[in-house]
Amino acid sequence: MADVVIPDVKTLATQISEGSIRALGRGLTWVESGGPRAEALSARMFPNTGRAQVVGLTGAPGSGKSTLARALALVARARGRTVGIVAVDPSSPFSGGAILGDRIRMNDLALDPGVFIRSMATRGALGGLSRAAADAVDLMDAAGRNLVLVETVGVGQDEVDVMRLAHTVLVVSVPGLGDDVQALKAGVLEIADVHVVNKADREGADRTVAELRAMLTLLPTPEAAWVPPVLAASAARDEGIEAIADALDGHMAFLKTSGELERRRRRIVTARVLKIVQDLVAETVLEPFDATGTEGATLLDRVTRRELTPHACARALLARTANRIDLAGEGRDRH
């Protein structure tokens, strides 16, 4: 059996930019695994991003987000666009990997080279999105996918994280899931740019549409602001999908003409950088302590014994980390 040749970062980045599906798949595996190699690849690809329309699909579990993503992909392909789908699945409690339920529901797209689907595990990340989702969107963008759909795992009250990644947020509701308007939870109503009441063939769909529209009239709306449409659809029957695709395009056109697109891009970048900073700080604070038995581990032991409060421990760890960073900086200055 021939040895498998693993491309270097530069080669893989070039292959992704040239549209290689195999290279894109490998690159997504790299960024999901994390580490220096993933960061180097992301750095190579980042200058070639910023061209794709990124749409986030969020809503309660069971609302049909995967089926809707599939239907939107089919419409986009009929309109001559290429599509990337980042489907964030729950993590397996055994392997830590994605359960792949979304891939199963989108099997009929697998043979279309113009659609690339990637299921990613949440790996414990809150907000319905995995930590690598932003890097995955970048790779699909750099690979020339015109439309990137990001489907969240459907975790209810943490769904608002999707607005920190997508240009347009589509909130999916359905009648008969216990709440007449699930989108009222946790501020999700306010983050929606487009509302979709899916499974509109069910009893109560008209009432859900009417209630959503009524609730939207109660929100403060600045003059000349985008008014989120409320659209009924049945994704499983491919009904109402063209109107949703038109609404997504209409929202992107509004963002461009109003100047809001640049503000959203700035918000997305700010949230992404701050999240990376948080992760780096957490790694820097905690990494040395579990294995080395240093003073940091002693502090954690004191919290366990209720001798030190978690807040005091956290401040002490941050102070030690800042001191180490200062010492490292002084060492570089001397050299």
C-alpha atoms as a PDB file:
ATOM      1  CA  MET A   1       0.000   0.000   0.000  1.00  0.00           C
ATOM      2  CA  ALA A   2       1.462   3.335  -1.079  1.00  0.00           C
ATOM      3  CA  ASP A   3       2.338   5.889   1.574  1.00  0.00           C
ATOM      4  CA  VAL A   4      -0.179   8.704   1.954  1.00  0.00           C
ATOM      5  CA  VAL A   5       1.403  12.026   1.008  1.00  0.00           C
ATOM      6  CA  ILE A   6       0.346  14.837   3.328  1.00  0.00           C
ATOM      7  CA  PRO A   7       0.690  18.228   1.606  1.00  0.00           C
ATOM      8  CA  ASP A   8       2.380  21.118   3.341  1.00  0.00           C
ATOM      9  CA  VAL A   9       0.379  24.197   4.298  1.00  0.00           C
ATOM     10  CA  LYS A  10       1.299  26.226   1.213  1.00  0.00           C
ATOM     11  CA  THR A  11       0.426  23.399  -1.171  1.00  0.00           C
ATOM     12  CA  LEU A  12      -2.885  22.653   0.527  1.00  0.00           C
ATOM     13  CA  ALA A  13      -3.844  26.339   0.555  1.00  0.00           C
ATOM     14  CA  THR A  14      -3.141  26.561  -3.167  1.00  0.00           C
ATOM     15  CA  GLN A  15      -5.197  23.448  -3.880  1.00  0.00           C
ATOM     16  CA  ILE A  16      -8.132  24.790  -1.865  1.00  0.00           C
ATOM     17  CA  SER A  17      -8.013  28.123  -3.714  1.00  0.00           C
ATOM     18  CA  GLU A  18      -8.019  26.238  -7.011  1.00  0.00           C
ATOM     19  CA  GLY A  19     -11.251  24.489  -6.026  1.00  0.00           C
ATOM     20  CA  SER A  20     -10.037  21.012  -5.093  1.00  0.00           C
ATOM     21  CA  ILE A  21     -12.815  19.292  -3.149  1.00  0.00           C
ATOM     22  CA  ARG A  22     -10.412  16.787  -1.624  1.00  0.00           C
ATOM     23  CA  ALA A  23      -8.109  19.582  -0.457  1.00  0.00           C
ATOM     24  CA  LEU A  24     -11.046  21.484   1.036  1.00  0.00           C
ATOM     25  CA  GLY A  25     -12.077  18.390   2.983  1.00  0.00           C
ATOM     26  CA  ARG A  26      -8.555  17.910   4.312  1.00  0.00           C
ATOM     27  CA  GLY A  27      -8.258  21.595   5.205  1.00  0.00           C
ATOM     28  CA  LEU A  28     -11.510  21.441   7.168  1.00  0.00           C
ATOM     29  CA  THR A  29     -10.175  18.449   9.072  1.00  0.00           C
ATOM     30  CA  TRP A  30      -7.067  20.464   9.924  1.00  0.00           C
ATOM     31  CA  VAL A  31      -8.967  23.479  11.251  1.00  0.00           C
ATOM     32  CA  GLU A  32     -11.338  21.304  13.255  1.00  0.00           C
ATOM     33  CA  SER A  33      -8.385  19.519  14.840  1.00  0.00           C
ATOM     34  CA  GLY A  34      -6.771  22.844  15.706  1.00  0.00           C
ATOM     35  CA  GLY A  35      -3.133  23.496  16.507  1.00  0.00           C
ATOM     36  CA  PRO A  36      -0.286  25.338  14.731  1.00  0.00           C
ATOM     37  CA  ARG A  37      -0.936  23.650  11.375  1.00  0.00           C
ATOM     38  CA  ALA A  38      -4.572  24.797  11.385  1.00  0.00           C
ATOM     39  CA  GLU A  39      -3.580  28.325  12.339  1.00  0.00           C
ATOM     40  CA  ALA A  40      -0.980  28.445   9.557  1.00  0.00           C
ATOM     41  CA  LEU A  41      -3.534  27.252   6.992  1.00  0.00           C
ATOM     42  CA  SER A  42      -6.113  29.799   8.162  1.00  0.00           C
ATOM     43  CA  ALA A  43      -3.493  32.540   7.894  1.00  0.00           C
ATOM     44  CA  ARG A  44      -2.783  31.535   4.288  1.00  0.00           C
ATOM     45  CA  MET A  45      -6.465  31.459   3.342  1.00  0.00           C
ATOM     46  CA  PHE A  46      -7.693  34.563   5.171  1.00  0.00           C
ATOM     47  CA  PRO A  47      -6.613  37.165   2.539  1.00  0.00           C
ATOM     48  CA  ASN A  48      -8.794  35.318  -0.014  1.00  0.00           C
ATOM     49  CA  THR A  49     -11.976  35.524   2.067  1.00  0.00           C
ATOM     50  CA  GLY A  50     -14.770  38.085   2.290  1.00  0.00           C
ATOM     51  CA  ARG A  51     -16.558  37.213  -0.935  1.00  0.00           C
ATOM     52  CA  ALA A  52     -19.145  34.655   0.168  1.00  0.00           C
ATOM     53  CA  GLN A  53     -22.612  35.416   1.482  1.00  0.00           C
ATOM     54  CA  VAL A  54     -22.813  33.784   4.917  1.00  0.00           C
ATOM     55  CA  VAL A  55     -26.266  32.823   6.179  1.00  0.00           C
ATOM     56  CA  GLY A  56     -26.850  31.388   9.648  1.00  0.00           C
ATOM     57  CA  LEU A  57     -29.809  29.073  10.227  1.00  0.00           C
ATOM     58  CA  THR A  58     -30.912  28.745  13.816  1.00  0.00           C
ATOM     59  CA  GLY A  59     -33.982  27.680  15.746  1.00  0.00           C
ATOM     60  CA  ALA A  60     -35.326  25.043  18.076  1.00  0.00           C
ATOM     61  CA  PRO A  61     -34.337  21.385  17.649  1.00  0.00           C
ATOM     62  CA  GLY A  62     -36.773  19.633  15.354  1.00  0.00           C
ATOM     63  CA  SER A  63     -37.725  22.770  13.440  1.00  0.00           C
ATOM     64  CA  GLY A  64     -36.330  21.416  10.172  1.00  0.00           C
ATOM     65  CA  LYS A  65     -33.143  23.473   9.799  1.00  0.00           C
ATOM     66  CA  SER A  66     -31.290  20.718   7.946  1.00  0.00           C
ATOM     67  CA  THR A  67     -34.147  20.137   5.527  1.00  0.00           C
ATOM     68  CA  LEU A  68     -34.394  23.882   4.926  1.00  0.00           C
ATOM     69  CA  ALA A  69     -30.638  24.154   4.333  1.00  0.00           C
ATOM     70  CA  ARG A  70     -30.894  21.371   1.765  1.00  0.00           C
ATOM     71  CA  ALA A  71     -33.813  23.086   0.015  1.00  0.00           C
ATOM     72  CA  LEU A  72     -31.990  26.450  -0.051  1.00  0.00           C
ATOM     73  CA  ALA A  73     -28.899  24.758  -1.481  1.00  0.00           C
ATOM     74  CA  LEU A  74     -30.964  23.269  -4.304  1.00  0.00           C
ATOM     75  CA  VAL A  75     -32.441  26.680  -5.151  1.00  0.00           C
ATOM     76  CA  ALA A  76     -29.001  28.299  -5.052  1.00  0.00           C
ATOM     77  CA  ARG A  77     -27.625  25.656  -7.415  1.00  0.00           C
ATOM     78  CA  ALA A  78     -30.538  26.205  -9.793  1.00  0.00           C
ATOM     79  CA  ARG A  79     -29.558  29.883  -9.785  1.00  0.00           C
ATOM     80  CA  GLY A  80     -25.980  29.066 -10.721  1.00  0.00           C
ATOM     81  CA  ARG A  81     -24.330  29.493  -7.298  1.00  0.00           C
ATOM     82  CA  THR A  82     -21.956  27.188  -5.481  1.00  0.00           C
ATOM     83  CA  VAL A  83     -22.769  26.300  -1.886  1.00  0.00           C
ATOM     84  CA  GLY A  84     -20.939  25.349   1.277  1.00  0.00           C
ATOM     85  CA  ILE A  85     -22.835  24.009   4.285  1.00  0.00           C
ATOM     86  CA  VAL A  86     -21.366  23.931   7.788  1.00  0.00           C
ATOM     87  CA  ALA A  87     -23.742  21.762   9.811  1.00  0.00           C
ATOM     88  CA  VAL A  88     -22.871  21.895  13.499  1.00  0.00           C
ATOM     89  CA  ASP A  89     -23.933  18.601  15.075  1.00  0.00           C
ATOM     90  CA  PRO A  90     -23.953  17.594  18.733  1.00  0.00           C
ATOM     91  CA  SER A  91     -20.743  15.893  19.853  1.00  0.00           C
ATOM     92  CA  SER A  92     -20.752  12.173  20.435  1.00  0.00           C
ATOM     93  CA  PRO A  93     -20.323  11.517  24.175  1.00  0.00           C
ATOM     94  CA  PHE A  94     -17.921   8.683  23.282  1.00  0.00           C
ATOM     95  CA  SER A  95     -15.723   9.884  20.397  1.00  0.00           C
ATOM     96  CA  GLY A  96     -16.212  13.648  20.678  1.00  0.00           C
ATOM     97  CA  GLY A  97     -17.003  13.729  16.959  1.00  0.00           C
ATOM     98  CA  ALA A  98     -20.113  14.918  15.154  1.00  0.00           C
ATOM     99  CA  ILE A  99     -23.081  12.564  15.178  1.00  0.00           C
ATOM    100  CA  LEU A 100     -23.642  13.377  11.473  1.00  0.00           C
ATOM    101  CA  GLY A 101     -27.424  13.575  11.571  1.00  0.00           C
ATOM    102  CA  ASP A 102     -27.387  16.558   9.223  1.00  0.00           C
ATOM    103  CA  ARG A 103     -25.292  14.708   6.647  1.00  0.00           C
ATOM    104  CA  ILE A 104     -27.858  11.902   6.591  1.00  0.00           C
ATOM    105  CA  ARG A 105     -30.665  14.381   5.873  1.00  0.00           C
ATOM    106  CA  MET A 106     -28.686  15.961   3.004  1.00  0.00           C
ATOM    107  CA  ASN A 107     -27.513  12.767   1.291  1.00  0.00           C
ATOM    108  CA  ASP A 108     -29.087  13.679  -2.041  1.00  0.00           C
ATOM    109  CA  LEU A 109     -26.725  16.679  -2.324  1.00  0.00           C
ATOM    110  CA  ALA A 110     -23.595  14.576  -1.928  1.00  0.00           C
ATOM    111  CA  LEU A 111     -23.143  13.878  -5.653  1.00  0.00           C
ATOM    112  CA  ASP A 112     -23.299  17.556  -6.635  1.00  0.00           C
ATOM    113  CA  PRO A 113     -19.737  18.982  -6.818  1.00  0.00           C
ATOM    114  CA  GLY A 114     -21.231  22.448  -6.449  1.00  0.00           C
ATOM    115  CA  VAL A 115     -22.346  21.674  -2.885  1.00  0.00           C
ATOM    116  CA  PHE A 116     -19.882  20.884  -0.112  1.00  0.00           C
ATOM    117  CA  ILE A 117     -21.284  19.741   3.244  1.00  0.00           C
ATOM    118  CA  ARG A 118     -19.285  19.499   6.425  1.00  0.00           C
ATOM    119  CA  SER A 119     -20.632  18.310   9.758  1.00  0.00           C
ATOM    120  CA  MET A 120     -18.688  19.650  12.719  1.00  0.00           C
ATOM    121  CA  ALA A 121     -18.948  18.679  16.362  1.00  0.00           C
ATOM    122  CA  THR A 122     -19.783  21.323  18.937  1.00  0.00           C
ATOM    123  CA  ARG A 123     -17.069  19.904  21.232  1.00  0.00           C
ATOM    124  CA  GLY A 124     -18.771  21.594  24.154  1.00  0.00           C
ATOM    125  CA  ALA A 125     -18.893  25.057  22.586  1.00  0.00           C
ATOM    126  CA  LEU A 126     -21.886  27.141  23.629  1.00  0.00           C
ATOM    127  CA  GLY A 127     -23.956  29.269  21.292  1.00  0.00           C
ATOM    128  CA  GLY A 128     -24.854  26.427  18.941  1.00  0.00           C
ATOM    129  CA  LEU A 129     -21.574  26.754  17.018  1.00  0.00           C
ATOM    130  CA  SER A 130     -18.304  24.903  17.213  1.00  0.00           C
ATOM    131  CA  ARG A 131     -15.101  26.838  17.803  1.00  0.00           C
ATOM    132  CA  ALA A 132     -13.803  25.912  14.351  1.00  0.00           C
ATOM    133  CA  ALA A 133     -16.936  27.031  12.508  1.00  0.00           C
ATOM    134  CA  ALA A 134     -15.523  30.478  11.642  1.00  0.00           C
ATOM    135  CA  ASP A 135     -12.350  28.927  10.201  1.00  0.00           C
ATOM    136  CA  ALA A 136     -14.488  26.456   8.226  1.00  0.00           C
ATOM    137  CA  VAL A 137     -16.499  29.315   6.738  1.00  0.00           C
ATOM    138  CA  ASP A 138     -13.238  31.018   5.727  1.00  0.00           C
ATOM    139  CA  LEU A 139     -12.016  27.913   3.918  1.00  0.00           C
ATOM    140  CA  MET A 140     -15.282  27.495   2.019  1.00  0.00           C
ATOM    141  CA  ASP A 141     -15.223  31.201   1.159  1.00  0.00           C
ATOM    142  CA  ALA A 142     -11.633  31.012  -0.104  1.00  0.00           C
ATOM    143  CA  ALA A 143     -12.520  27.886  -2.074  1.00  0.00           C
ATOM    144  CA  GLY A 144     -14.995  29.945  -4.096  1.00  0.00           C
ATOM    145  CA  ARG A 145     -18.301  28.938  -2.529  1.00  0.00           C
ATOM    146  CA  ASN A 146     -20.691  31.811  -3.240  1.00  0.00           C
ATOM    147  CA  LEU A 147     -23.144  30.953  -0.475  1.00  0.00           C
ATOM    148  CA  VAL A 148     -22.180  29.451   2.876  1.00  0.00           C
ATOM    149  CA  LEU A 149     -24.994  28.160   5.079  1.00  0.00           C
ATOM    150  CA  VAL A 150     -24.156  27.670   8.756  1.00  0.00           C
ATOM    151  CA  GLU A 151     -26.668  25.531  10.601  1.00  0.00           C
ATOM    152  CA  THR A 152     -26.488  25.612  14.389  1.00  0.00           C
ATOM    153  CA  VAL A 153     -26.982  22.602  16.603  1.00  0.00           C
ATOM    154  CA  GLY A 154     -30.281  23.943  17.950  1.00  0.00           C
ATOM    155  CA  VAL A 155     -29.582  24.528  21.609  1.00  0.00           C
ATOM    156  CA  GLY A 156     -32.352  26.978  22.412  1.00  0.00           C
ATOM    157  CA  GLN A 157     -31.193  29.818  24.588  1.00  0.00           C
ATOM    158  CA  ASP A 158     -27.608  29.967  23.306  1.00  0.00           C
ATOM    159  CA  GLU A 159     -28.535  30.361  19.640  1.00  0.00           C
ATOM    160  CA  VAL A 160     -27.668  34.073  19.498  1.00  0.00           C
ATOM    161  CA  ASP A 161     -23.988  33.262  18.844  1.00  0.00           C
ATOM    162  CA  VAL A 162     -24.789  32.762  15.169  1.00  0.00           C
ATOM    163  CA  MET A 163     -25.183  36.524  14.681  1.00  0.00           C
ATOM    164  CA  ARG A 164     -21.453  36.839  15.396  1.00  0.00           C
ATOM    165  CA  LEU A 165     -20.652  34.748  12.332  1.00  0.00           C
ATOM    166  CA  ALA A 166     -23.297  35.334   9.655  1.00  0.00           C
ATOM    167  CA  HIS A 167     -24.227  38.311   7.504  1.00  0.00           C
ATOM    168  CA  THR A 168     -27.858  37.194   7.558  1.00  0.00           C
ATOM    169  CA  VAL A 169     -29.559  35.262  10.351  1.00  0.00           C
ATOM    170  CA  LEU A 170     -32.527  33.082   9.456  1.00  0.00           C
ATOM    171  CA  VAL A 171     -34.587  31.911  12.441  1.00  0.00           C
ATOM    172  CA  VAL A 172     -36.716  28.816  11.908  1.00  0.00           C
ATOM    173  CA  SER A 173     -39.910  28.258  13.908  1.00  0.00           C
ATOM    174  CA  VAL A 174     -42.608  25.620  13.608  1.00  0.00           C
ATOM    175  CA  PRO A 175     -46.127  25.312  14.969  1.00  0.00           C
ATOM    176  CA  GLY A 176     -46.852  22.769  17.655  1.00  0.00           C
ATOM    177  CA  LEU A 177     -43.512  22.399  19.479  1.00  0.00           C
ATOM    178  CA  GLY A 178     -44.835  23.501  22.854  1.00  0.00           C
ATOM    179  CA  ASP A 179     -44.373  27.246  22.308  1.00  0.00           C
ATOM    180  CA  ASP A 180     -46.461  29.053  19.755  1.00  0.00           C
ATOM    181  CA  VAL A 181     -43.465  31.259  18.995  1.00  0.00           C
ATOM    182  CA  GLN A 182     -40.174  29.570  19.925  1.00  0.00           C
ATOM    183  CA  ALA A 183     -38.242  32.534  18.542  1.00  0.00           C
ATOM    184  CA  LEU A 184     -39.312  34.648  21.512  1.00  0.00           C
ATOM    185  CA  LYS A 185     -36.782  32.824  23.680  1.00  0.00           C
ATOM    186  CA  ALA A 186     -33.531  34.447  24.773  1.00  0.00           C
ATOM    187  CA  GLY A 187     -33.578  37.350  22.359  1.00  0.00           C
ATOM    188  CA  VAL A 188     -33.661  35.142  19.264  1.00  0.00           C
ATOM    189  CA  LEU A 189     -36.586  37.185  17.939  1.00  0.00           C
ATOM    190  CA  GLU A 190     -34.369  40.258  17.802  1.00  0.00           C
ATOM    191  CA  ILE A 191     -31.435  38.642  15.988  1.00  0.00           C
ATOM    192  CA  ALA A 192     -33.496  37.384  13.042  1.00  0.00           C
ATOM    193  CA  ASP A 193     -33.130  39.063   9.656  1.00  0.00           C
ATOM    194  CA  VAL A 194     -35.564  36.583   8.127  1.00  0.00           C
ATOM    195  CA  HIS A 195     -38.171  34.509   9.973  1.00  0.00           C
ATOM    196  CA  VAL A 196     -39.328  31.208   8.506  1.00  0.00           C
ATOM    197  CA  VAL A 197     -42.261  29.252   9.865  1.00  0.00           C
ATOM    198  CA  ASN A 198     -41.402  25.792   8.587  1.00  0.00           C
ATOM    199  CA  LYS A 199     -43.757  22.809   8.294  1.00  0.00           C
ATOM    200  CA  ALA A 200     -46.456  25.279   7.321  1.00  0.00           C
ATOM    201  CA  ASP A 201     -48.740  22.420   6.289  1.00  0.00           C
ATOM    202  CA  ARG A 202     -49.311  21.758  10.003  1.00  0.00           C
ATOM    203  CA  GLU A 203     -52.282  23.036  11.905  1.00  0.00           C
ATOM    204  CA  GLY A 204     -51.555  26.344  13.622  1.00  0.00           C
ATOM    205  CA  ALA A 205     -48.982  27.584  11.107  1.00  0.00           C
ATOM    206  CA  ASP A 206     -51.062  30.650  10.169  1.00  0.00           C
ATOM    207  CA  ARG A 207     -51.373  31.570  13.833  1.00  0.00           C
ATOM    208  CA  THR A 208     -47.604  31.271  14.342  1.00  0.00           C
ATOM    209  CA  VAL A 209     -46.966  33.531  11.344  1.00  0.00           C
ATOM    210  CA  ALA A 210     -49.481  36.090  12.621  1.00  0.00           C
ATOM    211  CA  GLU A 211     -48.031  36.064  16.150  1.00  0.00           C
ATOM    212  CA  LEU A 212     -44.510  36.533  14.877  1.00  0.00           C
ATOM    213  CA  ARG A 213     -45.560  39.490  12.760  1.00  0.00           C
ATOM    214  CA  ALA A 214     -47.426  40.984  15.698  1.00  0.00           C
ATOM    215  CA  MET A 215     -44.415  40.604  17.988  1.00  0.00           C
ATOM    216  CA  LEU A 216     -42.128  42.225  15.420  1.00  0.00           C
ATOM    217  CA  THR A 217     -44.319  45.323  15.384  1.00  0.00           C
ATOM    218  CA  LEU A 218     -43.598  45.752  19.122  1.00  0.00           C
ATOM    219  CA  LEU A 219     -39.837  45.903  18.611  1.00  0.00           C
ATOM    220  CA  PRO A 220     -38.240  49.359  18.280  1.00  0.00           C
ATOM    221  CA  THR A 221     -37.352  49.800  14.616  1.00  0.00           C
ATOM    222  CA  PRO A 222     -35.189  52.737  13.491  1.00  0.00           C
ATOM    223  CA  GLU A 223     -36.279  54.563  10.381  1.00  0.00           C
ATOM    224  CA  ALA A 224     -34.991  52.998   7.145  1.00  0.00           C
ATOM    225  CA  ALA A 225     -34.051  49.813   9.021  1.00  0.00           C
ATOM    226  CA  TRP A 226     -34.554  46.340   7.596  1.00  0.00           C
ATOM    227  CA  VAL A 227     -37.914  44.847   8.553  1.00  0.00           C
ATOM    228  CA  PRO A 228     -37.554  41.062   8.919  1.00  0.00           C
ATOM    229  CA  PRO A 229     -40.094  39.255   6.751  1.00  0.00           C
ATOM    230  CA  VAL A 230     -42.035  36.311   8.188  1.00  0.00           C
ATOM    231  CA  LEU A 231     -42.356  33.596   5.572  1.00  0.00           C
ATOM    232  CA  ALA A 232     -44.228  30.301   5.652  1.00  0.00           C
ATOM    233  CA  ALA A 233     -42.618  27.251   4.078  1.00  0.00           C
ATOM    234  CA  SER A 234     -42.619  23.492   3.963  1.00  0.00           C
ATOM    235  CA  ALA A 235     -38.997  22.562   3.298  1.00  0.00           C
ATOM    236  CA  ALA A 236     -39.750  18.840   3.062  1.00  0.00           C
ATOM    237  CA  ARG A 237     -42.122  19.609   0.181  1.00  0.00           C
ATOM    238  CA  ASP A 238     -39.889  22.302  -1.358  1.00  0.00           C
ATOM    239  CA  GLU A 239     -42.682  24.828  -0.883  1.00  0.00           C
ATOM    240  CA  GLY A 240     -41.930  28.486  -0.215  1.00  0.00           C
ATOM    241  CA  ILE A 241     -38.171  28.099  -0.682  1.00  0.00           C
ATOM    242  CA  GLU A 242     -37.828  30.480  -3.630  1.00  0.00           C
ATOM    243  CA  ALA A 243     -39.363  33.283  -1.552  1.00  0.00           C
ATOM    244  CA  ILE A 244     -36.884  32.608   1.257  1.00  0.00           C
ATOM    245  CA  ALA A 245     -33.949  32.696  -1.160  1.00  0.00           C
ATOM    246  CA  ASP A 246     -35.257  36.003  -2.531  1.00  0.00           C
ATOM    247  CA  ALA A 247     -35.495  37.394   1.009  1.00  0.00           C
ATOM    248  CA  LEU A 248     -31.897  36.390   1.750  1.00  0.00           C
ATOM    249  CA  ASP A 249     -30.702  38.103  -1.427  1.00  0.00           C
ATOM    250  CA  GLY A 250     -32.840  41.125  -0.589  1.00  0.00           C
ATOM    251  CA  HIS A 251     -31.276  41.397   2.834  1.00  0.00           C
ATOM    252  CA  MET A 252     -27.755  41.228   1.402  1.00  0.00           C
ATOM    253  CA  ALA A 253     -28.643  43.970  -1.080  1.00  0.00           C
ATOM    254  CA  PHE A 254     -29.967  46.080   1.798  1.00  0.00           C
ATOM    255  CA  LEU A 255     -26.763  45.542   3.798  1.00  0.00           C
ATOM    256  CA  LYS A 256     -24.660  46.752   0.886  1.00  0.00           C
ATOM    257  CA  THR A 257     -26.710  49.827   0.019  1.00  0.00           C
ATOM    258  CA  SER A 258     -27.223  50.922   3.636  1.00  0.00           C
ATOM    259  CA  GLY A 259     -23.605  50.539   4.709  1.00  0.00           C
ATOM    260  CA  GLU A 260     -24.638  47.978   7.320  1.00  0.00           C
ATOM    261  CA  LEU A 261     -22.566  45.239   5.676  1.00  0.00           C
ATOM    262  CA  GLU A 262     -19.287  46.809   6.775  1.00  0.00           C
ATOM    263  CA  ARG A 263     -20.620  47.315  10.292  1.00  0.00           C
ATOM    264  CA  ARG A 264     -21.643  43.667  10.462  1.00  0.00           C
ATOM    265  CA  ARG A 265     -18.265  42.557   9.172  1.00  0.00           C
ATOM    266  CA  ARG A 266     -16.596  44.636  11.871  1.00  0.00           C
ATOM    267  CA  ARG A 267     -18.881  43.077  14.512  1.00  0.00           C
ATOM    268  CA  ILE A 268     -18.091  39.579  13.246  1.00  0.00           C
ATOM    269  CA  VAL A 269     -14.343  40.240  13.279  1.00  0.00           C
ATOM    270  CA  THR A 270     -14.485  41.774  16.765  1.00  0.00           C
ATOM    271  CA  ALA A 271     -16.413  38.830  18.223  1.00  0.00           C
ATOM    272  CA  ARG A 272     -14.097  36.336  16.543  1.00  0.00           C
ATOM    273  CA  VAL A 273     -10.898  37.982  17.764  1.00  0.00           C
ATOM    274  CA  LEU A 274     -12.238  38.294  21.313  1.00  0.00           C
ATOM    275  CA  LYS A 275     -13.197  34.603  21.315  1.00  0.00           C
ATOM    276  CA  ILE A 276      -9.692  33.652  20.208  1.00  0.00           C
ATOM    277  CA  VAL A 277      -8.234  35.861  22.926  1.00  0.00           C
ATOM    278  CA  GLN A 278     -10.452  34.151  25.519  1.00  0.00           C
ATOM    279  CA  ASP A 279      -9.337  30.714  24.343  1.00  0.00           C
ATOM    280  CA  LEU A 280      -5.659  31.696  24.328  1.00  0.00           C
ATOM    281  CA  VAL A 281      -5.890  33.164  27.807  1.00  0.00           C
ATOM    282  CA  ALA A 282      -7.645  30.042  29.093  1.00  0.00           C
ATOM    283  CA  GLU A 283      -4.983  27.798  27.559  1.00  0.00           C
ATOM    284  CA  THR A 284      -2.174  29.952  28.936  1.00  0.00           C
ATOM    285  CA  VAL A 285      -3.680  30.022  32.417  1.00  0.00           C
ATOM    286  CA  LEU A 286      -4.574  26.351  32.755  1.00  0.00           C
ATOM    287  CA  GLU A 287      -2.154  24.376  30.588  1.00  0.00           C
ATOM    288  CA  PRO A 288       0.904  24.384  32.895  1.00  0.00           C
ATOM    289  CA  PHE A 289      -0.969  23.535  36.070  1.00  0.00           C
ATOM    290  CA  ASP A 290      -2.629  20.166  35.732  1.00  0.00           C
ATOM    291  CA  ALA A 291       0.549  18.202  35.009  1.00  0.00           C
ATOM    292  CA  THR A 292       3.401  20.042  36.692  1.00  0.00           C
ATOM    293  CA  GLY A 293       2.280  20.412  40.290  1.00  0.00           C
ATOM    294  CA  THR A 294       3.207  24.098  40.300  1.00  0.00           C
ATOM    295  CA  GLU A 295       1.685  26.786  42.450  1.00  0.00           C
ATOM    296  CA  GLY A 296      -1.216  27.008  39.998  1.00  0.00           C
ATOM    297  CA  ALA A 297      -2.184  23.422  40.756  1.00  0.00           C
ATOM    298  CA  THR A 298      -1.887  24.215  44.448  1.00  0.00           C
ATOM    299  CA  LEU A 299      -4.326  27.101  44.014  1.00  0.00           C
ATOM    300  CA  LEU A 300      -6.827  24.796  42.303  1.00  0.00           C
ATOM    301  CA  ASP A 301      -6.425  22.292  45.133  1.00  0.00           C
ATOM    302  CA  ARG A 302      -7.182  25.047  47.653  1.00  0.00           C
ATOM    303  CA  VAL A 303     -10.420  25.845  45.810  1.00  0.00           C
ATOM    304  CA  THR A 304     -11.333  22.169  45.890  1.00  0.00           C
ATOM    305  CA  ARG A 305     -10.810  22.177  49.664  1.00  0.00           C
ATOM    306  CA  ARG A 306     -12.918  25.361  49.963  1.00  0.00           C
ATOM    307  CA  GLU A 307      -9.925  27.304  51.292  1.00  0.00           C
ATOM    308  CA  LEU A 308      -9.970  29.753  48.373  1.00  0.00           C
ATOM    309  CA  THR A 309     -12.865  31.146  46.355  1.00  0.00           C
ATOM    310  CA  PRO A 310     -13.037  30.510  42.592  1.00  0.00           C
ATOM    311  CA  HIS A 311     -12.942  34.275  41.950  1.00  0.00           C
ATOM    312  CA  ALA A 312      -9.794  34.722  44.012  1.00  0.00           C
ATOM    313  CA  CYS A 313      -8.183  31.734  42.311  1.00  0.00           C
ATOM    314  CA  ALA A 314      -9.007  33.067  38.861  1.00  0.00           C
ATOM    315  CA  ARG A 315      -7.494  36.467  39.665  1.00  0.00           C
ATOM    316  CA  ALA A 316      -4.370  34.832  41.056  1.00  0.00           C
ATOM    317  CA  LEU A 317      -3.953  32.688  37.942  1.00  0.00           C
ATOM    318  CA  LEU A 318      -4.421  35.694  35.682  1.00  0.00           C
ATOM    319  CA  ALA A 319      -1.869  37.663  37.674  1.00  0.00           C
ATOM    320  CA  ARG A 320       0.676  34.832  37.351  1.00  0.00           C
ATOM    321  CA  THR A 321      -0.028  34.546  33.615  1.00  0.00           C
ATOM    322  CA  ALA A 322       0.432  38.290  33.110  1.00  0.00           C
ATOM    323  CA  ASN A 323       3.703  38.100  35.033  1.00  0.00           C
ATOM    324  CA  ARG A 324       4.955  35.256  32.827  1.00  0.00           C
ATOM    325  CA  ILE A 325       4.024  37.194  29.693  1.00  0.00           C
ATOM    326  CA  ASP A 326       5.874  40.272  30.993  1.00  0.00           C
ATOM    327  CA  LEU A 327       8.956  38.195  31.776  1.00  0.00           C
ATOM    328  CA  ALA A 328       8.860  36.594  28.330  1.00  0.00           C
ATOM    329  CA  GLY A 329       8.615  40.032  26.745  1.00  0.00           C
ATOM    330  CA  GLU A 330      11.578  41.323  28.748  1.00  0.00           C
ATOM    331  CA  GLY A 331      13.615  38.324  27.634  1.00  0.00           C
ATOM    332  CA  ARG A 332      12.891  39.034  23.987  1.00  0.00           C
ATOM    333  CA  ASP A 333      13.775  42.704  24.484  1.00  0.00           C
ATOM    334  CA  ARG A 334      17.176  41.782  25.951  1.00  0.00           C
ATOM    335  CA  HIS A 335      17.909  39.690  22.899  1.00  0.00           C
END
